[in-house]
Amino acid sequence: MATIAEKWIEDGVKIGVEKGEKKGMEKAKIETARELVKNGVDIDVIARSTGLSRGKIEKLAEKVH
């Protein structure tokens, strides 16, 4: 049986992993959007495909061009 401290550590690790996965997925979406912008794909198509906001993609486009 796990102690309270061990349970807290286990819960903390799970939360950390989930946050890391979420952050990694967001970075992947941004990189995908950046490449699509470079290849001339329409911003609305990129937004629908990645789930990123149009505004975020427009900011990426400004940096790419």
N, C-alpha and C. Protein backbone atom coordinates (compact mmCIF):
# COMPACT_ATOMS: atom_id res chain seq x y z
N MET A 1 0.84 -1.18 0.00
CA MET A 1 0.00 0.00 0.00
C MET A 1 0.89 1.25 0.00
N ALA A 2 0.56 2.18 -0.84
CA ALA A 2 1.36 3.40 -0.97
C ALA A 2 1.08 4.36 0.18
N THR A 3 2.13 5.04 0.59
CA THR A 3 1.95 6.07 1.61
C THR A 3 1.34 7.31 0.96
N ILE A 4 0.90 8.22 1.78
CA ILE A 4 0.34 9.47 1.26
C ILE A 4 1.39 10.21 0.43
N ALA A 5 2.61 10.25 0.92
CA ALA A 5 3.69 10.94 0.20
C ALA A 5 3.92 10.29 -1.16
N GLU A 6 3.94 8.95 -1.19
CA GLU A 6 4.15 8.25 -2.46
C GLU A 6 3.01 8.54 -3.43
N LYS A 7 1.79 8.61 -2.93
CA LYS A 7 0.62 8.93 -3.77
C LYS A 7 0.75 10.33 -4.34
N TRP A 8 1.17 11.28 -3.50
CA TRP A 8 1.34 12.66 -3.98
C TRP A 8 2.41 12.73 -5.07
N ILE A 9 3.50 12.00 -4.85
CA ILE A 9 4.57 11.98 -5.85
C ILE A 9 4.05 11.38 -7.16
N GLU A 10 3.33 10.28 -7.05
CA GLU A 10 2.77 9.62 -8.23
C GLU A 10 1.82 10.56 -8.98
N ASP A 11 0.95 11.25 -8.23
CA ASP A 11 0.02 12.19 -8.84
C ASP A 11 0.77 13.34 -9.50
N GLY A 12 1.81 13.83 -8.84
CA GLY A 12 2.61 14.92 -9.39
C GLY A 12 3.30 14.53 -10.68
N VAL A 13 3.81 13.31 -10.72
CA VAL A 13 4.46 12.82 -11.94
C VAL A 13 3.45 12.73 -13.08
N LYS A 14 2.26 12.21 -12.79
CA LYS A 14 1.22 12.10 -13.81
C LYS A 14 0.86 13.48 -14.36
N ILE A 15 0.71 14.45 -13.47
CA ILE A 15 0.36 15.81 -13.90
C ILE A 15 1.48 16.39 -14.75
N GLY A 16 2.72 16.16 -14.34
CA GLY A 16 3.87 16.66 -15.10
C GLY A 16 3.94 16.06 -16.49
N VAL A 17 3.70 14.77 -16.57
CA VAL A 17 3.72 14.09 -17.86
C VAL A 17 2.62 14.62 -18.76
N GLU A 18 1.42 14.79 -18.21
CA GLU A 18 0.30 15.30 -19.00
C GLU A 18 0.59 16.70 -19.52
N LYS A 19 1.15 17.55 -18.67
CA LYS A 19 1.49 18.91 -19.10
C LYS A 19 2.55 18.88 -20.19
N GLY A 20 3.54 18.00 -20.02
CA GLY A 20 4.59 17.87 -21.02
C GLY A 20 4.06 17.39 -22.36
N GLU A 21 3.16 16.43 -22.32
CA GLU A 21 2.56 15.93 -23.56
C GLU A 21 1.76 17.02 -24.25
N LYS A 22 0.99 17.77 -23.46
CA LYS A 22 0.17 18.84 -24.03
C LYS A 22 1.06 19.91 -24.67
N LYS A 23 2.13 20.27 -23.98
CA LYS A 23 3.05 21.28 -24.51
C LYS A 23 3.72 20.79 -25.79
N GLY A 24 4.11 19.52 -25.80
CA GLY A 24 4.72 18.94 -26.99
C GLY A 24 3.78 18.91 -28.17
N MET A 25 2.52 18.59 -27.92
CA MET A 25 1.53 18.56 -28.99
C MET A 25 1.31 19.97 -29.55
N GLU A 26 1.29 20.97 -28.69
CA GLU A 26 1.12 22.35 -29.13
C GLU A 26 2.30 22.78 -30.00
N LYS A 27 3.50 22.42 -29.59
CA LYS A 27 4.69 22.74 -30.38
C LYS A 27 4.63 22.08 -31.75
N ALA A 28 4.17 20.84 -31.79
CA ALA A 28 4.05 20.12 -33.06
C ALA A 28 3.04 20.80 -33.98
N LYS A 29 1.93 21.25 -33.41
CA LYS A 29 0.92 21.96 -34.21
C LYS A 29 1.50 23.25 -34.79
N ILE A 30 2.26 23.96 -33.97
CA ILE A 30 2.85 25.23 -34.42
C ILE A 30 3.86 24.97 -35.53
N GLU A 31 4.68 23.95 -35.37
CA GLU A 31 5.67 23.63 -36.40
C GLU A 31 4.98 23.20 -37.70
N THR A 32 3.93 22.43 -37.59
CA THR A 32 3.16 22.02 -38.77
C THR A 32 2.57 23.24 -39.46
N ALA A 33 1.98 24.13 -38.68
CA ALA A 33 1.39 25.35 -39.23
C ALA A 33 2.46 26.20 -39.93
N ARG A 34 3.63 26.29 -39.31
CA ARG A 34 4.72 27.08 -39.90
C ARG A 34 5.11 26.51 -41.27
N GLU A 35 5.22 25.21 -41.35
CA GLU A 35 5.58 24.58 -42.62
C GLU A 35 4.48 24.76 -43.67
N LEU A 36 3.23 24.67 -43.24
CA LEU A 36 2.12 24.87 -44.18
C LEU A 36 2.09 26.31 -44.68
N VAL A 37 2.37 27.27 -43.81
CA VAL A 37 2.44 28.67 -44.23
C VAL A 37 3.54 28.84 -45.27
N LYS A 38 4.71 28.25 -45.00
CA LYS A 38 5.83 28.33 -45.94
C LYS A 38 5.46 27.78 -47.31
N ASN A 39 4.58 26.78 -47.32
CA ASN A 39 4.17 26.14 -48.57
C ASN A 39 2.94 26.77 -49.20
N GLY A 40 2.50 27.91 -48.65
CA GLY A 40 1.43 28.67 -49.27
C GLY A 40 0.02 28.18 -49.01
N VAL A 41 -0.16 27.34 -47.99
CA VAL A 41 -1.50 26.84 -47.67
C VAL A 41 -2.31 27.96 -47.04
N ASP A 42 -3.58 28.03 -47.39
CA ASP A 42 -4.48 29.06 -46.89
C ASP A 42 -4.58 29.01 -45.36
N ILE A 43 -4.56 30.18 -44.72
CA ILE A 43 -4.59 30.27 -43.26
C ILE A 43 -5.83 29.60 -42.68
N ASP A 44 -6.98 29.74 -43.31
CA ASP A 44 -8.20 29.10 -42.79
C ASP A 44 -8.08 27.58 -42.82
N VAL A 45 -7.46 27.05 -43.85
CA VAL A 45 -7.25 25.60 -43.95
C VAL A 45 -6.30 25.14 -42.84
N ILE A 46 -5.25 25.91 -42.60
CA ILE A 46 -4.30 25.57 -41.54
C ILE A 46 -5.00 25.60 -40.18
N ALA A 47 -5.82 26.62 -39.96
CA ALA A 47 -6.53 26.75 -38.68
C ALA A 47 -7.46 25.55 -38.45
N ARG A 48 -8.20 25.18 -39.47
CA ARG A 48 -9.10 24.03 -39.33
C ARG A 48 -8.33 22.73 -39.13
N SER A 49 -7.20 22.61 -39.79
CA SER A 49 -6.43 21.38 -39.74
C SER A 49 -5.65 21.20 -38.44
N THR A 50 -5.18 22.29 -37.87
CA THR A 50 -4.34 22.20 -36.67
C THR A 50 -5.09 22.52 -35.39
N GLY A 51 -6.21 23.23 -35.50
CA GLY A 51 -6.93 23.65 -34.30
C GLY A 51 -6.36 24.92 -33.71
N LEU A 52 -5.34 25.50 -34.34
CA LEU A 52 -4.79 26.77 -33.88
C LEU A 52 -5.67 27.92 -34.34
N SER A 53 -5.63 29.01 -33.61
CA SER A 53 -6.45 30.16 -33.99
C SER A 53 -5.88 30.83 -35.23
N ARG A 54 -6.76 31.50 -35.96
CA ARG A 54 -6.33 32.25 -37.15
C ARG A 54 -5.30 33.30 -36.76
N GLY A 55 -5.53 33.96 -35.63
CA GLY A 55 -4.60 35.00 -35.18
C GLY A 55 -3.20 34.46 -34.92
N LYS A 56 -3.13 33.29 -34.30
CA LYS A 56 -1.83 32.68 -34.01
C LYS A 56 -1.11 32.33 -35.31
N ILE A 57 -1.86 31.83 -36.28
CA ILE A 57 -1.26 31.46 -37.56
C ILE A 57 -0.82 32.72 -38.32
N GLU A 58 -1.60 33.77 -38.24
CA GLU A 58 -1.21 35.02 -38.89
C GLU A 58 0.10 35.54 -38.30
N LYS A 59 0.27 35.42 -36.99
CA LYS A 59 1.53 35.83 -36.36
C LYS A 59 2.69 34.97 -36.85
N LEU A 60 2.44 33.67 -36.99
CA LEU A 60 3.48 32.79 -37.53
C LEU A 60 3.84 33.20 -38.95
N ALA A 61 2.80 33.53 -39.74
CA ALA A 61 3.02 33.92 -41.13
C ALA A 61 3.87 35.18 -41.23
N GLU A 62 3.68 36.11 -40.32
CA GLU A 62 4.47 37.34 -40.32
C GLU A 62 5.94 37.03 -40.09
N LYS A 63 6.22 36.07 -39.23
CA LYS A 63 7.60 35.71 -38.93
C LYS A 63 8.24 34.91 -40.06
N VAL A 64 7.42 34.15 -40.79
CA VAL A 64 7.92 33.31 -41.87
C VAL A 64 8.28 34.15 -43.09
N HIS A 65 7.47 35.15 -43.36
CA HIS A 65 7.67 35.96 -44.59
C HIS A 65 8.49 37.17 -44.35
